[in-house]
Amino acid sequence: MEKTIYNLVSNSLGYEFSHYFVKALIEEMPNEEIIELAREEIKRIQYFVRIEADGWDYWKSKEQRLIELIINLK
């Protein structure tokens, strides 16, 4: 879960920041804000989830990780 949260926050910044900055930012963020980032990411990948070929599971797996993250943070 930590890696998923880190990637969500890091990608949402738009610029590359140090690992320590991103970690400090995560510690200050409320769960609701992280949940909102996860929901936005799910919306962005929905197309790829639908068209992903059988036998491939990158996007479906990513979607599942995000859903689990939302459930765990609620």
PDB file of N, CA and C in Angstrom:
ATOM      1  N   MET A   1       0.815  -1.193   0.000  1.00  0.00           N
ATOM      2  CA  MET A   1       0.000   0.000   0.000  1.00  0.00           C
ATOM      3  C   MET A   1       0.864   1.264   0.000  1.00  0.00           C
ATOM      4  N   GLU A   2       1.958   1.233   0.748  1.00  0.00           N
ATOM      5  CA  GLU A   2       2.817   2.415   0.826  1.00  0.00           C
ATOM      6  C   GLU A   2       3.325   2.845  -0.540  1.00  0.00           C
ATOM      7  N   LYS A   3       3.738   1.866  -1.335  1.00  0.00           N
ATOM      8  CA  LYS A   3       4.263   2.175  -2.661  1.00  0.00           C
ATOM      9  C   LYS A   3       3.177   2.774  -3.546  1.00  0.00           C
ATOM     10  N   THR A   4       1.965   2.246  -3.452  1.00  0.00           N
ATOM     11  CA  THR A   4       0.849   2.760  -4.236  1.00  0.00           C
ATOM     12  C   THR A   4       0.539   4.202  -3.838  1.00  0.00           C
ATOM     13  N   ILE A   5       0.494   4.472  -2.537  1.00  0.00           N
ATOM     14  CA  ILE A   5       0.241   5.830  -2.057  1.00  0.00           C
ATOM     15  C   ILE A   5       1.355   6.761  -2.508  1.00  0.00           C
ATOM     16  N   TYR A   6       2.588   6.315  -2.359  1.00  0.00           N
ATOM     17  CA  TYR A   6       3.727   7.138  -2.761  1.00  0.00           C
ATOM     18  C   TYR A   6       3.629   7.502  -4.244  1.00  0.00           C
ATOM     19  N   ASN A   7       3.347   6.524  -5.084  1.00  0.00           N
ATOM     20  CA  ASN A   7       3.249   6.773  -6.527  1.00  0.00           C
ATOM     21  C   ASN A   7       2.089   7.710  -6.866  1.00  0.00           C
ATOM     22  N   LEU A   8       0.956   7.543  -6.198  1.00  0.00           N
ATOM     23  CA  LEU A   8      -0.191   8.425  -6.437  1.00  0.00           C
ATOM     24  C   LEU A   8       0.163   9.874  -6.130  1.00  0.00           C
ATOM     25  N   VAL A   9       0.747  10.087  -4.965  1.00  0.00           N
ATOM     26  CA  VAL A   9       1.074  11.446  -4.538  1.00  0.00           C
ATOM     27  C   VAL A   9       2.180  12.022  -5.413  1.00  0.00           C
ATOM     28  N   SER A  10       3.196  11.246  -5.648  1.00  0.00           N
ATOM     29  CA  SER A  10       4.324  11.709  -6.461  1.00  0.00           C
ATOM     30  C   SER A  10       3.866  12.086  -7.867  1.00  0.00           C
ATOM     31  N   ASN A  11       3.044  11.254  -8.481  1.00  0.00           N
ATOM     32  CA  ASN A  11       2.552  11.528  -9.837  1.00  0.00           C
ATOM     33  C   ASN A  11       1.609  12.726  -9.879  1.00  0.00           C
ATOM     34  N   SER A  12       0.913  12.982  -8.789  1.00  0.00           N
ATOM     35  CA  SER A  12      -0.044  14.093  -8.772  1.00  0.00           C
ATOM     36  C   SER A  12       0.640  15.449  -8.668  1.00  0.00           C
ATOM     37  N   LEU A  13       1.899  15.474  -8.282  1.00  0.00           N
ATOM     38  CA  LEU A  13       2.591  16.745  -8.085  1.00  0.00           C
ATOM     39  C   LEU A  13       2.939  17.444  -9.395  1.00  0.00           C
ATOM     40  N   GLY A  14       3.131  16.680 -10.449  1.00  0.00           N
ATOM     41  CA  GLY A  14       3.433  17.277 -11.734  1.00  0.00           C
ATOM     42  C   GLY A  14       4.908  17.562 -11.958  1.00  0.00           C
ATOM     43  N   TYR A  15       5.678  17.605 -10.910  1.00  0.00           N
ATOM     44  CA  TYR A  15       7.120  17.803 -10.988  1.00  0.00           C
ATOM     45  C   TYR A  15       7.779  16.745 -10.148  1.00  0.00           C
ATOM     46  N   GLU A  16       9.052  16.511 -10.386  1.00  0.00           N
ATOM     47  CA  GLU A  16       9.760  15.510  -9.588  1.00  0.00           C
ATOM     48  C   GLU A  16      10.329  16.164  -8.334  1.00  0.00           C
ATOM     49  N   PHE A  17       9.952  15.611  -7.196  1.00  0.00           N
ATOM     50  CA  PHE A  17      10.447  16.088  -5.910  1.00  0.00           C
ATOM     51  C   PHE A  17      11.217  14.968  -5.231  1.00  0.00           C
ATOM     52  N   SER A  18      11.975  15.326  -4.231  1.00  0.00           N
ATOM     53  CA  SER A  18      12.768  14.321  -3.531  1.00  0.00           C
ATOM     54  C   SER A  18      11.865  13.334  -2.810  1.00  0.00           C
ATOM     55  N   HIS A  19      12.408  12.167  -2.588  1.00  0.00           N
ATOM     56  CA  HIS A  19      11.702  11.101  -1.876  1.00  0.00           C
ATOM     57  C   HIS A  19      11.260  11.594  -0.490  1.00  0.00           C
ATOM     58  N   TYR A  20      12.115  12.333   0.165  1.00  0.00           N
ATOM     59  CA  TYR A  20      11.817  12.815   1.522  1.00  0.00           C
ATOM     60  C   TYR A  20      10.673  13.822   1.526  1.00  0.00           C
ATOM     61  N   PHE A  21      10.632  14.668   0.509  1.00  0.00           N
ATOM     62  CA  PHE A  21       9.548  15.641   0.408  1.00  0.00           C
ATOM     63  C   PHE A  21       8.212  14.931   0.215  1.00  0.00           C
ATOM     64  N   VAL A  22       8.176  13.969  -0.683  1.00  0.00           N
ATOM     65  CA  VAL A  22       6.937  13.237  -0.959  1.00  0.00           C
ATOM     66  C   VAL A  22       6.488  12.489   0.289  1.00  0.00           C
ATOM     67  N   LYS A  23       7.416  11.848   0.993  1.00  0.00           N
ATOM     68  CA  LYS A  23       7.067  11.117   2.228  1.00  0.00           C
ATOM     69  C   LYS A  23       6.501  12.063   3.275  1.00  0.00           C
ATOM     70  N   ALA A  24       7.112  13.241   3.430  1.00  0.00           N
ATOM     71  CA  ALA A  24       6.624  14.228   4.398  1.00  0.00           C
ATOM     72  C   ALA A  24       5.237  14.723   4.007  1.00  0.00           C
ATOM     73  N   LEU A  25       5.016  14.922   2.734  1.00  0.00           N
ATOM     74  CA  LEU A  25       3.714  15.362   2.247  1.00  0.00           C
ATOM     75  C   LEU A  25       2.643  14.313   2.540  1.00  0.00           C
ATOM     76  N   ILE A  26       2.974  13.059   2.322  1.00  0.00           N
ATOM     77  CA  ILE A  26       2.029  11.962   2.581  1.00  0.00           C
ATOM     78  C   ILE A  26       1.629  11.942   4.051  1.00  0.00           C
ATOM     79  N   GLU A  27       2.582  12.153   4.932  1.00  0.00           N
ATOM     80  CA  GLU A  27       2.293  12.140   6.369  1.00  0.00           C
ATOM     81  C   GLU A  27       1.310  13.238   6.761  1.00  0.00           C
ATOM     82  N   GLU A  28       1.306  14.346   6.019  1.00  0.00           N
ATOM     83  CA  GLU A  28       0.424  15.468   6.322  1.00  0.00           C
ATOM     84  C   GLU A  28      -0.935  15.379   5.636  1.00  0.00           C
ATOM     85  N   MET A  29      -1.052  14.491   4.660  1.00  0.00           N
ATOM     86  CA  MET A  29      -2.294  14.394   3.890  1.00  0.00           C
ATOM     87  C   MET A  29      -3.347  13.593   4.647  1.00  0.00           C
ATOM     88  N   PRO A  30      -4.587  14.095   4.652  1.00  0.00           N
ATOM     89  CA  PRO A  30      -5.675  13.284   5.227  1.00  0.00           C
ATOM     90  C   PRO A  30      -6.014  12.122   4.287  1.00  0.00           C
ATOM     91  N   ASN A  31      -6.556  11.064   4.844  1.00  0.00           N
ATOM     92  CA  ASN A  31      -6.932   9.885   4.045  1.00  0.00           C
ATOM     93  C   ASN A  31      -7.891  10.243   2.922  1.00  0.00           C
ATOM     94  N   GLU A  32      -8.785  11.194   3.166  1.00  0.00           N
ATOM     95  CA  GLU A  32      -9.766  11.573   2.153  1.00  0.00           C
ATOM     96  C   GLU A  32      -9.082  12.098   0.889  1.00  0.00           C
ATOM     97  N   GLU A  33      -7.990  12.819   1.072  1.00  0.00           N
ATOM     98  CA  GLU A  33      -7.271  13.367  -0.074  1.00  0.00           C
ATOM     99  C   GLU A  33      -6.598  12.255  -0.884  1.00  0.00           C
ATOM    100  N   ILE A  34      -6.048  11.280  -0.196  1.00  0.00           N
ATOM    101  CA  ILE A  34      -5.425  10.142  -0.875  1.00  0.00           C
ATOM    102  C   ILE A  34      -6.487   9.314  -1.595  1.00  0.00           C
ATOM    103  N   ILE A  35      -7.629   9.139  -0.962  1.00  0.00           N
ATOM    104  CA  ILE A  35      -8.740   8.414  -1.589  1.00  0.00           C
ATOM    105  C   ILE A  35      -9.174   9.127  -2.864  1.00  0.00           C
ATOM    106  N   GLU A  36      -9.239  10.450  -2.829  1.00  0.00           N
ATOM    107  CA  GLU A  36      -9.628  11.212  -4.017  1.00  0.00           C
ATOM    108  C   GLU A  36      -8.609  11.033  -5.140  1.00  0.00           C
ATOM    109  N   LEU A  37      -7.317  11.013  -4.817  1.00  0.00           N
ATOM    110  CA  LEU A  37      -6.283  10.765  -5.825  1.00  0.00           C
ATOM    111  C   LEU A  37      -6.461   9.380  -6.445  1.00  0.00           C
ATOM    112  N   ALA A  38      -6.784   8.390  -5.611  1.00  0.00           N
ATOM    113  CA  ALA A  38      -6.984   7.022  -6.108  1.00  0.00           C
ATOM    114  C   ALA A  38      -8.199   6.957  -7.028  1.00  0.00           C
ATOM    115  N   ARG A  39      -9.269   7.639  -6.668  1.00  0.00           N
ATOM    116  CA  ARG A  39     -10.471   7.646  -7.515  1.00  0.00           C
ATOM    117  C   ARG A  39     -10.197   8.298  -8.860  1.00  0.00           C
ATOM    118  N   GLU A  40      -9.448   9.391  -8.848  1.00  0.00           N
ATOM    119  CA  GLU A  40      -9.091  10.058 -10.104  1.00  0.00           C
ATOM    120  C   GLU A  40      -8.243   9.144 -10.980  1.00  0.00           C
ATOM    121  N   GLU A  41      -7.333   8.420 -10.363  1.00  0.00           N
ATOM    122  CA  GLU A  41      -6.479   7.495 -11.122  1.00  0.00           C
ATOM    123  C   GLU A  41      -7.308   6.366 -11.729  1.00  0.00           C
ATOM    124  N   ILE A  42      -8.273   5.857 -10.978  1.00  0.00           N
ATOM    125  CA  ILE A  42      -9.157   4.807 -11.499  1.00  0.00           C
ATOM    126  C   ILE A  42      -9.911   5.324 -12.727  1.00  0.00           C
ATOM    127  N   LYS A  43     -10.391   6.550 -12.669  1.00  0.00           N
ATOM    128  CA  LYS A  43     -11.092   7.133 -13.819  1.00  0.00           C
ATOM    129  C   LYS A  43     -10.171   7.210 -15.034  1.00  0.00           C
ATOM    130  N   ARG A  44      -8.900   7.568 -14.807  1.00  0.00           N
ATOM    131  CA  ARG A  44      -7.958   7.715 -15.921  1.00  0.00           C
ATOM    132  C   ARG A  44      -7.607   6.387 -16.577  1.00  0.00           C
ATOM    133  N   ILE A  45      -7.609   5.300 -15.823  1.00  0.00           N
ATOM    134  CA  ILE A  45      -7.169   4.020 -16.389  1.00  0.00           C
ATOM    135  C   ILE A  45      -8.323   3.132 -16.855  1.00  0.00           C
ATOM    136  N   GLN A  46      -9.561   3.565 -16.685  1.00  0.00           N
ATOM    137  CA  GLN A  46     -10.711   2.734 -17.052  1.00  0.00           C
ATOM    138  C   GLN A  46     -10.663   2.259 -18.492  1.00  0.00           C
ATOM    139  N   TYR A  47     -10.267   3.108 -19.408  1.00  0.00           N
ATOM    140  CA  TYR A  47     -10.191   2.715 -20.811  1.00  0.00           C
ATOM    141  C   TYR A  47      -9.207   1.563 -20.997  1.00  0.00           C
ATOM    142  N   PHE A  48      -8.042   1.672 -20.369  1.00  0.00           N
ATOM    143  CA  PHE A  48      -7.018   0.636 -20.499  1.00  0.00           C
ATOM    144  C   PHE A  48      -7.453  -0.677 -19.854  1.00  0.00           C
ATOM    145  N   VAL A  49      -8.203  -0.589 -18.768  1.00  0.00           N
ATOM    146  CA  VAL A  49      -8.721  -1.795 -18.114  1.00  0.00           C
ATOM    147  C   VAL A  49      -9.661  -2.529 -19.067  1.00  0.00           C
ATOM    148  N   ARG A  50     -10.502  -1.779 -19.767  1.00  0.00           N
ATOM    149  CA  ARG A  50     -11.493  -2.392 -20.667  1.00  0.00           C
ATOM    150  C   ARG A  50     -10.860  -3.037 -21.895  1.00  0.00           C
ATOM    151  N   ILE A  51      -9.796  -2.435 -22.418  1.00  0.00           N
ATOM    152  CA  ILE A  51      -9.225  -2.953 -23.669  1.00  0.00           C
ATOM    153  C   ILE A  51      -8.038  -3.883 -23.442  1.00  0.00           C
ATOM    154  N   GLU A  52      -7.654  -4.095 -22.201  1.00  0.00           N
ATOM    155  CA  GLU A  52      -6.492  -4.940 -21.932  1.00  0.00           C
ATOM    156  C   GLU A  52      -6.745  -6.367 -22.439  1.00  0.00           C
ATOM    157  N   ALA A  53      -5.799  -6.890 -23.160  1.00  0.00           N
ATOM    158  CA  ALA A  53      -5.925  -8.222 -23.756  1.00  0.00           C
ATOM    159  C   ALA A  53      -5.972  -9.308 -22.686  1.00  0.00           C
ATOM    160  N   ASP A  54      -6.617 -10.418 -23.033  1.00  0.00           N
ATOM    161  CA  ASP A  54      -6.648 -11.569 -22.125  1.00  0.00           C
ATOM    162  C   ASP A  54      -5.217 -12.023 -21.875  1.00  0.00           C
ATOM    163  N   GLY A  55      -4.938 -12.397 -20.654  1.00  0.00           N
ATOM    164  CA  GLY A  55      -3.596 -12.851 -20.309  1.00  0.00           C
ATOM    165  C   GLY A  55      -2.699 -11.718 -19.827  1.00  0.00           C
ATOM    166  N   TRP A  56      -3.136 -10.504 -20.017  1.00  0.00           N
ATOM    167  CA  TRP A  56      -2.399  -9.345 -19.510  1.00  0.00           C
ATOM    168  C   TRP A  56      -3.179  -8.825 -18.320  1.00  0.00           C
ATOM    169  N   ASP A  57      -2.486  -8.357 -17.328  1.00  0.00           N
ATOM    170  CA  ASP A  57      -3.235  -7.895 -16.155  1.00  0.00           C
ATOM    171  C   ASP A  57      -2.650  -6.648 -15.506  1.00  0.00           C
ATOM    172  N   TYR A  58      -1.830  -5.897 -16.210  1.00  0.00           N
ATOM    173  CA  TYR A  58      -1.220  -4.712 -15.597  1.00  0.00           C
ATOM    174  C   TYR A  58      -2.283  -3.713 -15.138  1.00  0.00           C
ATOM    175  N   TRP A  59      -3.160  -3.323 -16.044  1.00  0.00           N
ATOM    176  CA  TRP A  59      -4.140  -2.286 -15.712  1.00  0.00           C
ATOM    177  C   TRP A  59      -5.215  -2.809 -14.763  1.00  0.00           C
ATOM    178  N   LYS A  60      -5.638  -4.053 -14.967  1.00  0.00           N
ATOM    179  CA  LYS A  60      -6.632  -4.632 -14.060  1.00  0.00           C
ATOM    180  C   LYS A  60      -6.060  -4.776 -12.657  1.00  0.00           C
ATOM    181  N   SER A  61      -4.805  -5.166 -12.577  1.00  0.00           N
ATOM    182  CA  SER A  61      -4.134  -5.295 -11.285  1.00  0.00           C
ATOM    183  C   SER A  61      -3.990  -3.930 -10.612  1.00  0.00           C
ATOM    184  N   LYS A  62      -3.638  -2.930 -11.389  1.00  0.00           N
ATOM    185  CA  LYS A  62      -3.501  -1.576 -10.847  1.00  0.00           C
ATOM    186  C   LYS A  62      -4.843  -1.081 -10.327  1.00  0.00           C
ATOM    187  N   GLU A  63      -5.898  -1.319 -11.091  1.00  0.00           N
ATOM    188  CA  GLU A  63      -7.230  -0.922 -10.651  1.00  0.00           C
ATOM    189  C   GLU A  63      -7.588  -1.620  -9.336  1.00  0.00           C
ATOM    190  N   GLN A  64      -7.287  -2.896  -9.236  1.00  0.00           N
ATOM    191  CA  GLN A  64      -7.599  -3.650  -8.023  1.00  0.00           C
ATOM    192  C   GLN A  64      -6.825  -3.105  -6.822  1.00  0.00           C
ATOM    193  N   ARG A  65      -5.543  -2.772  -7.023  1.00  0.00           N
ATOM    194  CA  ARG A  65      -4.738  -2.188  -5.931  1.00  0.00           C
ATOM    195  C   ARG A  65      -5.335  -0.863  -5.463  1.00  0.00           C
ATOM    196  N   LEU A  66      -5.801  -0.052  -6.399  1.00  0.00           N
ATOM    197  CA  LEU A  66      -6.393   1.234  -6.033  1.00  0.00           C
ATOM    198  C   LEU A  66      -7.703   1.047  -5.274  1.00  0.00           C
ATOM    199  N   ILE A  67      -8.503   0.102  -5.688  1.00  0.00           N
ATOM    200  CA  ILE A  67      -9.765  -0.188  -4.993  1.00  0.00           C
ATOM    201  C   ILE A  67      -9.479  -0.672  -3.575  1.00  0.00           C
ATOM    202  N   GLU A  68      -8.507  -1.562  -3.426  1.00  0.00           N
ATOM    203  CA  GLU A  68      -8.141  -2.045  -2.099  1.00  0.00           C
ATOM    204  C   GLU A  68      -7.617  -0.913  -1.220  1.00  0.00           C
ATOM    205  N   LEU A  69      -6.861  -0.004  -1.809  1.00  0.00           N
ATOM    206  CA  LEU A  69      -6.343   1.142  -1.074  1.00  0.00           C
ATOM    207  C   LEU A  69      -7.494   2.001  -0.549  1.00  0.00           C
ATOM    208  N   ILE A  70      -8.467   2.272  -1.402  1.00  0.00           N
ATOM    209  CA  ILE A  70      -9.627   3.069  -0.986  1.00  0.00           C
ATOM    210  C   ILE A  70     -10.362   2.386   0.172  1.00  0.00           C
ATOM    211  N   ILE A  71     -10.563   1.089   0.042  1.00  0.00           N
ATOM    212  CA  ILE A  71     -11.262   0.346   1.096  1.00  0.00           C
ATOM    213  C   ILE A  71     -10.488   0.397   2.403  1.00  0.00           C
ATOM    214  N   ASN A  72      -9.176   0.217   2.338  1.00  0.00           N
ATOM    215  CA  ASN A  72      -8.357   0.227   3.559  1.00  0.00           C
ATOM    216  C   ASN A  72      -8.278   1.596   4.218  1.00  0.00           C
ATOM    217  N   LEU A  73      -8.358   2.648   3.441  1.00  0.00           N
ATOM    218  CA  LEU A  73      -8.250   3.997   4.017  1.00  0.00           C
ATOM    219  C   LEU A  73      -9.566   4.526   4.560  1.00  0.00           C
ATOM    220  N   LYS A  74     -10.672   3.901   4.185  1.00  0.00           N
ATOM    221  CA  LYS A  74     -11.980   4.362   4.695  1.00  0.00           C
ATOM    222  C   LYS A  74     -12.175   4.024   6.131  1.00  0.00           C
TER     223      LYS A  74
END
